[in-house]
Each structure stands twice: as C-alpha cells, then as structure tokens.
Amino acid sequence: MGEVTRELRHVYSGKVRDLYEIDDEHLLMVASDRLSAFDVVMNELLPQKGRVLTGLTNFWLVDAASDVKHSLVSCNPLVIDATASGFLERTEWHGRSMLVRRCEMLNIECVVRGRLAGQAYDEYVARGTVHGMSVPSGMKLTDAFVTPLFTPSTKESSGHDINIGLDAARDIVGADALDEAMSICLSLFATASDVLAAAGLILADTKFELGYLDGALVVCDEVVTPDSSRIWPAEFVRSGETPPSFDKQPFRDWLSSQGWDRTPPPPTIPSDIIDITSRRYVECYERVTGHSLTDWYGE
C-alpha cells in the first residue's frame, strides 16, 4: 500500500472528492463518503455515497452516453493499477476512484434545468425570471420548461457560485466555447432524461463540469448523480408540490429543522437520517443502472 502512496501527490480536497496527481497526463479522483450541506462538511459519513457517485458517472459516460467525449479513462482497479502502481492494494479506494485525463477546466458551471425548482424557483417567484431569462408566467414548482434551459453560474474560489445569464457567461468563456458547452450539456441532459424516464424518474436539473482535452471540450467530473442533480420519482411529482428526491433531501430537511446557523460546527446527525439518506443514494444507482450496487467495484 505504501508504493502507491509514494507515487501519488495529493493536489486538492473538496467537500466530497480528493484529487491526486499520478503523472503529467493523469489524475486520480477519489469520491469519499463525506456529507456536506451549506458548504459545511458534517462529522458523519454517508455509507456507499462515494461508490454511488463513481458508479453512476461510469454508467453515464461508458454505457448510456458513450458518444459523449469525456476525460474518464477507467474506474476498473486493474486498469488504474497499470497507471498508478500499487492501487490494487488500496482496496478502500476501489469503486470510488476515477482515473482521468488532465483537462483545462472551463471557467463556468454548466447547469441544465428541465423543471422549475431550487434557486431557479426562488428567482422566478421573486422576479418572474430564471437566470435573468424570460420564462412563461403562471409556472409552479416542478413544472416543466417548454425546453430545457442552459443556466450557467460562476466558479467561486470561496463561498457560493453566482447564477449568471448567457451574456455574462459569454463574456467569461467566449461565444464559441459557450455555444459548444450548451450543445454538449443539452444533448447529454436529453439522453439522461430519456434513460431516467424509462426507470420512472424525472431529471429536474443537473450540473456539468467541462474542460479542454487535446483542444476538444469534454465532460469532466461526476455526471448526473444525486449530488449534482435533482432526480424525482415520476409518480410523486405534482405541480406546486415538493416531491421526494433521490438525494440528501431527508438530511437537509432534518438540518433545517434544527435551528442550525449553517456555520461550523455542524450538529450531530442521527443514525436514522444517515440510514435513510444512504438508502436513497443506493436506490438511485440501482434504479438508474438496472444493476445492484453489490456488483460495482469495492463491494
């Protein structure tokens, strides 16, 4: 196990992922079971979360939308070990690690919204717009847009990203890059929506990360997971009502009821809240992929 530790250089730790440098061309992204809300990481872990995020990303990029260009090389421990010698001995990383190519990241967050929810809903109620764009009047929570909307945001080094309109995004990345990013993200959103619909699920919105690899704009990081998306069971979606979702909503609802001021230290999360949230993540993986999580690497 020490061999891979010597070869990998820790580059960055986010709220969920740890990033390691393998060589000049490759990075290792390891998805932890860390649980966060309101930019604060909890003390408790969410069992299976990292495997779910990694397995779902692999499903979208390798199986469901294989025509989409991306930075993922493999999640297979044997393949990773060929590039990062000694990885096979790091069994705690199996199933939660992605061997990826280095990319020059696009300096905006690429969000696609198919339904009115979240921050878009808050803005719509306040001003009748979504990211400053005009949308039909009279819409209610969970209502579908006529066509999915590409709604970018900034990438902030600290604090929350800021929702912006297309003109502001164009100023940041350029017209050609924005047009290409919109095309990639809207196409992938349509594919994912169709796959989820077949599983009885609705993709309300999701966030994509894009970057340049060998001069081409490609998909990076996680793809259509419970952490980056709102995914609703179709049978429970009612116009104007908040539906249950396959994400950490039970955990967020519990937090909101605690009177916590959203600054560290966070409250202690009860085991039953951890259990139900973990089960939702696992159920999302299994409904979307059609496979048991026990069949994914790292079981």
Protein backbone atom coordinates (compact mmCIF):
# COMPACT_ATOMS: atom_id res chain seq x y z
CA MET A 1 0.00 0.00 0.00
CA GLY A 2 2.93 2.32 0.59
CA GLU A 3 4.03 2.14 -3.05
CA VAL A 4 1.01 3.97 -4.44
CA THR A 5 1.18 6.47 -1.59
CA ARG A 6 4.70 7.42 -2.66
CA GLU A 7 3.69 7.82 -6.31
CA LEU A 8 0.54 9.86 -5.80
CA ARG A 9 0.76 13.53 -4.87
CA HIS A 10 -2.29 14.96 -3.13
CA VAL A 11 -3.45 18.00 -5.09
CA TYR A 12 -6.80 19.04 -3.65
CA SER A 13 -9.61 18.04 -1.31
CA GLY A 14 -13.12 19.30 -1.85
CA LYS A 15 -16.23 18.71 0.19
CA VAL A 16 -16.53 15.21 -1.27
CA ARG A 17 -13.59 14.41 -3.57
CA ASP A 18 -9.86 14.08 -3.10
CA LEU A 19 -7.65 14.68 -6.12
CA TYR A 20 -4.25 13.08 -6.65
CA GLU A 21 -1.63 13.61 -9.33
CA ILE A 22 -0.33 10.45 -10.99
CA ASP A 23 1.79 11.88 -13.80
CA ASP A 24 1.79 14.73 -16.31
CA GLU A 25 -1.30 13.34 -18.08
CA HIS A 26 -3.37 11.61 -15.41
CA LEU A 27 -5.15 12.38 -12.16
CA LEU A 28 -6.95 10.14 -9.69
CA MET A 29 -10.30 11.38 -8.38
CA VAL A 30 -11.44 9.61 -5.21
CA ALA A 31 -15.03 10.16 -4.09
CA SER A 32 -15.35 9.94 -0.33
CA ASP A 33 -18.42 9.27 1.80
CA ARG A 34 -18.22 12.78 3.26
CA LEU A 35 -21.56 14.51 3.68
CA SER A 36 -21.97 18.27 3.37
CA ALA A 37 -24.64 20.93 3.36
CA PHE A 38 -24.48 24.70 3.00
CA ASP A 39 -20.73 24.39 2.31
CA VAL A 40 -20.11 22.73 5.68
CA VAL A 41 -18.82 19.13 5.92
CA MET A 42 -20.55 17.03 8.55
CA ASN A 43 -18.74 14.88 11.11
CA GLU A 44 -20.58 11.75 9.98
CA LEU A 45 -20.01 9.77 6.78
CA LEU A 46 -22.74 8.60 4.40
CA PRO A 47 -22.11 4.90 3.68
CA GLN A 48 -21.78 3.96 -0.03
CA LYS A 49 -22.01 7.56 -1.23
CA GLY A 50 -18.63 7.60 -2.97
CA ARG A 51 -19.31 4.32 -4.76
CA VAL A 52 -22.72 5.53 -5.92
CA LEU A 53 -21.32 8.79 -7.33
CA THR A 54 -18.50 6.97 -9.13
CA GLY A 55 -20.62 4.09 -10.40
CA LEU A 56 -23.30 6.41 -11.79
CA THR A 57 -20.72 8.59 -13.54
CA ASN A 58 -19.20 5.50 -15.13
CA PHE A 59 -22.67 4.35 -16.24
CA TRP A 60 -23.45 7.63 -17.99
CA LEU A 61 -20.10 8.06 -19.70
CA VAL A 62 -19.35 4.45 -20.62
CA ASP A 63 -22.79 2.88 -21.13
CA ALA A 64 -25.64 5.34 -21.60
CA ALA A 65 -23.94 8.20 -23.43
CA SER A 66 -20.79 6.63 -24.85
CA ASP A 67 -20.75 9.06 -27.79
CA VAL A 68 -20.02 11.97 -25.44
CA LYS A 69 -16.36 12.96 -25.21
CA HIS A 70 -15.05 12.87 -21.66
CA SER A 71 -11.92 12.77 -19.52
CA LEU A 72 -12.62 9.42 -17.82
CA VAL A 73 -10.09 6.67 -18.55
CA SER A 74 -11.42 3.95 -16.25
CA CYS A 75 -12.87 3.07 -12.86
CA ASN A 76 -11.57 -0.51 -13.08
CA PRO A 77 -8.98 -1.08 -10.33
CA LEU A 78 -6.91 -3.27 -12.67
CA VAL A 79 -6.72 -0.50 -15.27
CA ILE A 80 -5.98 2.15 -12.66
CA ASP A 81 -3.21 -0.01 -11.19
CA ALA A 82 -1.48 -0.14 -14.57
CA THR A 83 -1.04 3.65 -14.38
CA ALA A 84 -0.85 4.08 -10.58
CA SER A 85 1.20 1.10 -9.45
CA GLY A 86 0.04 -0.25 -6.11
CA PHE A 87 -3.56 0.91 -6.45
CA LEU A 88 -4.88 -2.65 -6.15
CA GLU A 89 -3.69 -2.69 -2.56
CA ARG A 90 -5.74 0.40 -1.73
CA THR A 91 -8.98 -1.58 -1.53
CA GLU A 92 -10.76 1.23 0.33
CA TRP A 93 -10.48 3.30 -2.87
CA HIS A 94 -11.92 0.62 -5.17
CA GLY A 95 -15.26 1.58 -6.70
CA ARG A 96 -14.89 5.21 -5.67
CA SER A 97 -11.91 6.15 -7.86
CA MET A 98 -11.76 7.51 -11.40
CA LEU A 99 -8.58 7.58 -13.46
CA VAL A 100 -8.98 10.71 -15.57
CA ARG A 101 -7.00 12.72 -18.10
CA ARG A 102 -5.88 16.20 -17.12
CA CYS A 103 -8.04 18.97 -18.59
CA GLU A 104 -8.03 22.74 -18.69
CA MET A 105 -11.33 23.43 -16.98
CA LEU A 106 -13.97 25.73 -18.43
CA ASN A 107 -14.41 28.63 -16.05
CA ILE A 108 -18.19 28.37 -15.61
CA GLU A 109 -20.54 25.84 -14.05
CA CYS A 110 -22.87 24.37 -16.68
CA VAL A 111 -26.35 23.80 -15.25
CA VAL A 112 -29.28 22.48 -17.28
CA ARG A 113 -32.81 22.82 -15.88
CA GLY A 114 -35.76 20.86 -17.18
CA ARG A 115 -38.10 21.72 -14.30
CA LEU A 116 -38.69 24.76 -12.11
CA ALA A 117 -37.02 24.07 -8.75
CA GLY A 118 -34.33 25.22 -6.33
CA GLN A 119 -32.72 28.60 -6.87
CA ALA A 120 -34.49 28.94 -10.21
CA TYR A 121 -37.84 28.66 -8.44
CA ASP A 122 -36.81 31.25 -5.84
CA GLU A 123 -35.81 33.71 -8.57
CA TYR A 124 -38.98 33.01 -10.54
CA VAL A 125 -41.18 33.74 -7.52
CA ALA A 126 -39.27 36.95 -6.79
CA ARG A 127 -38.81 38.32 -10.31
CA GLY A 128 -40.55 36.07 -12.85
CA THR A 129 -37.23 35.14 -14.49
CA VAL A 130 -34.70 32.29 -14.41
CA HIS A 131 -31.06 33.40 -14.52
CA GLY A 132 -32.38 36.68 -15.82
CA MET A 133 -34.12 34.96 -18.75
CA SER A 134 -37.80 35.34 -19.52
CA VAL A 135 -39.90 32.23 -18.98
CA PRO A 136 -43.67 31.68 -19.21
CA SER A 137 -45.80 33.20 -16.46
CA GLY A 138 -48.01 31.14 -14.21
CA MET A 139 -45.50 28.33 -13.65
CA LYS A 140 -45.49 26.41 -10.38
CA LEU A 141 -42.85 24.42 -8.53
CA THR A 142 -41.83 21.26 -10.51
CA ASP A 143 -43.46 22.48 -13.76
CA ALA A 144 -41.50 21.65 -16.91
CA PHE A 145 -39.98 24.36 -19.09
CA VAL A 146 -41.01 24.33 -22.74
CA THR A 147 -37.46 23.18 -23.49
CA PRO A 148 -34.63 22.59 -21.00
CA LEU A 149 -32.71 25.74 -20.09
CA PHE A 150 -28.92 26.13 -20.02
CA THR A 151 -28.36 28.25 -16.91
CA PRO A 152 -24.67 28.86 -16.09
CA SER A 153 -23.08 30.11 -12.92
CA THR A 154 -19.68 31.39 -11.92
CA LYS A 155 -16.98 29.29 -10.27
CA GLU A 156 -16.14 30.96 -7.00
CA SER A 157 -12.97 30.03 -5.11
CA SER A 158 -14.83 30.57 -1.84
CA GLY A 159 -18.49 30.88 -0.97
CA HIS A 160 -21.41 30.11 -3.25
CA ASP A 161 -21.28 30.20 -7.05
CA ILE A 162 -23.27 33.06 -8.56
CA ASN A 163 -26.05 32.45 -11.08
CA ILE A 164 -25.46 34.38 -14.30
CA GLY A 165 -27.14 34.82 -17.68
CA LEU A 166 -25.86 33.73 -21.07
CA ASP A 167 -24.38 37.14 -21.88
CA ALA A 168 -22.26 37.12 -18.73
CA ALA A 169 -21.16 33.54 -19.41
CA ARG A 170 -20.21 34.53 -22.95
CA ASP A 171 -18.03 37.31 -21.57
CA ILE A 172 -16.21 34.80 -19.35
CA VAL A 173 -15.54 31.92 -21.77
CA GLY A 174 -16.22 33.38 -25.22
CA ALA A 175 -19.07 32.89 -27.67
CA ASP A 176 -17.76 29.74 -29.37
CA ALA A 177 -16.98 27.95 -26.12
CA LEU A 178 -20.37 28.83 -24.68
CA ASP A 179 -22.22 27.59 -27.78
CA GLU A 180 -20.29 24.30 -27.70
CA ALA A 181 -20.84 23.88 -23.96
CA MET A 182 -24.57 24.45 -24.40
CA SER A 183 -24.73 21.88 -27.19
CA ILE A 184 -22.87 19.22 -25.18
CA CYS A 185 -24.84 19.77 -21.99
CA LEU A 186 -28.30 19.98 -23.54
CA SER A 187 -27.64 16.81 -25.56
CA LEU A 188 -26.39 14.91 -22.51
CA PHE A 189 -29.33 16.18 -20.46
CA ALA A 190 -31.75 14.89 -23.10
CA THR A 191 -30.09 11.47 -23.12
CA ALA A 192 -30.09 11.24 -19.34
CA SER A 193 -33.72 12.38 -19.15
CA ASP A 194 -34.79 9.61 -21.53
CA VAL A 195 -32.90 6.94 -19.58
CA LEU A 196 -34.30 8.14 -16.28
CA ALA A 197 -37.84 8.36 -17.68
CA ALA A 198 -37.61 4.68 -18.63
CA ALA A 199 -36.80 3.99 -14.97
CA GLY A 200 -39.78 6.06 -13.77
CA LEU A 201 -37.65 9.03 -12.77
CA ILE A 202 -37.57 12.71 -13.72
CA LEU A 203 -34.34 14.67 -14.11
CA ALA A 204 -35.30 18.12 -12.86
CA ASP A 205 -31.86 19.70 -13.21
CA THR A 206 -28.18 18.81 -13.16
CA LYS A 207 -24.74 20.41 -13.17
CA PHE A 208 -21.94 19.50 -15.59
CA GLU A 209 -18.25 20.30 -15.50
CA LEU A 210 -16.48 20.74 -18.83
CA GLY A 211 -12.83 21.15 -19.77
CA TYR A 212 -10.45 21.09 -22.71
CA LEU A 213 -8.60 17.86 -23.52
CA ASP A 214 -6.27 17.92 -26.53
CA GLY A 215 -8.09 21.03 -27.74
CA ALA A 216 -11.57 19.49 -27.53
CA LEU A 217 -14.25 20.42 -24.99
CA VAL A 218 -15.14 17.32 -22.96
CA VAL A 219 -17.21 16.31 -19.93
CA CYS A 220 -15.28 16.06 -16.66
CA ASP A 221 -16.00 15.13 -13.03
CA GLU A 222 -19.26 13.49 -11.90
CA VAL A 223 -22.24 13.14 -14.23
CA VAL A 224 -25.95 13.06 -13.28
CA THR A 225 -25.54 11.88 -9.70
CA PRO A 226 -27.66 12.60 -6.61
CA ASP A 227 -25.02 15.13 -5.58
CA SER A 228 -25.09 17.08 -8.85
CA SER A 229 -28.77 16.65 -9.78
CA ARG A 230 -32.37 16.74 -8.68
CA ILE A 231 -33.87 13.36 -9.53
CA TRP A 232 -37.52 12.76 -8.69
CA PRO A 233 -39.69 9.62 -8.76
CA ALA A 234 -42.20 10.47 -11.50
CA GLU A 235 -45.19 9.03 -9.67
CA PHE A 236 -44.82 11.53 -6.83
CA VAL A 237 -44.35 14.72 -8.87
CA ARG A 238 -47.28 17.13 -8.51
CA SER A 239 -47.39 20.69 -9.84
CA GLY A 240 -46.79 23.13 -7.00
CA GLU A 241 -45.67 20.47 -4.50
CA THR A 242 -42.20 19.44 -3.33
CA PRO A 243 -41.59 15.84 -4.42
CA PRO A 244 -39.32 13.34 -2.66
CA SER A 245 -35.94 13.13 -4.34
CA PHE A 246 -33.07 10.69 -4.66
CA ASP A 247 -30.54 12.89 -2.95
CA LYS A 248 -29.70 14.17 0.53
CA GLN A 249 -33.04 15.95 0.97
CA PRO A 250 -34.05 13.98 4.11
CA PHE A 251 -30.75 15.04 5.65
CA ARG A 252 -31.19 18.68 4.55
CA ASP A 253 -34.78 18.71 5.85
CA TRP A 254 -33.58 17.45 9.22
CA LEU A 255 -30.85 20.10 9.32
CA SER A 256 -33.34 22.84 8.53
CA SER A 257 -35.47 21.79 11.49
CA GLN A 258 -32.57 22.11 13.95
CA GLY A 259 -32.20 25.87 14.01
CA TRP A 260 -28.55 25.49 12.96
CA ASP A 261 -26.95 28.74 11.76
CA ARG A 262 -25.13 26.96 8.89
CA THR A 263 -21.69 27.65 10.29
CA PRO A 264 -19.24 25.14 11.86
CA PRO A 265 -19.51 23.13 13.97
CA PRO A 266 -22.45 21.21 12.46
CA PRO A 267 -24.94 19.30 14.60
CA THR A 268 -24.65 15.56 15.15
CA ILE A 269 -26.68 13.70 12.52
CA PRO A 270 -28.88 10.89 13.91
CA SER A 271 -28.21 7.39 12.59
CA ASP A 272 -31.72 7.03 11.17
CA ILE A 273 -31.24 10.13 9.00
CA ILE A 274 -27.91 8.75 7.79
CA ASP A 275 -29.51 5.38 7.02
CA ILE A 276 -32.46 6.70 5.00
CA THR A 277 -30.24 9.08 3.04
CA SER A 278 -27.75 6.32 2.23
CA ARG A 279 -30.59 4.06 1.08
CA ARG A 280 -31.84 6.76 -1.28
CA TYR A 281 -28.42 7.05 -2.90
CA VAL A 282 -28.18 3.30 -3.36
CA GLU A 283 -31.73 3.07 -4.73
CA CYS A 284 -30.95 5.83 -7.22
CA TYR A 285 -27.94 3.89 -8.52
CA GLU A 286 -29.86 0.65 -8.82
CA ARG A 287 -32.95 2.11 -10.49
CA VAL A 288 -30.91 4.10 -13.00
CA THR A 289 -28.35 1.44 -13.94
CA GLY A 290 -30.53 -1.65 -13.53
CA HIS A 291 -27.71 -3.26 -11.51
CA SER A 292 -27.17 -3.94 -7.83
CA LEU A 293 -24.56 -1.78 -6.15
CA THR A 294 -23.06 -5.00 -4.81
CA ASP A 295 -21.91 -5.73 -8.37
CA TRP A 296 -19.91 -2.49 -8.57
CA TYR A 297 -16.22 -2.35 -7.67
CA GLY A 298 -15.33 -2.13 -4.00
CA GLU A 299 -18.08 -4.30 -2.50
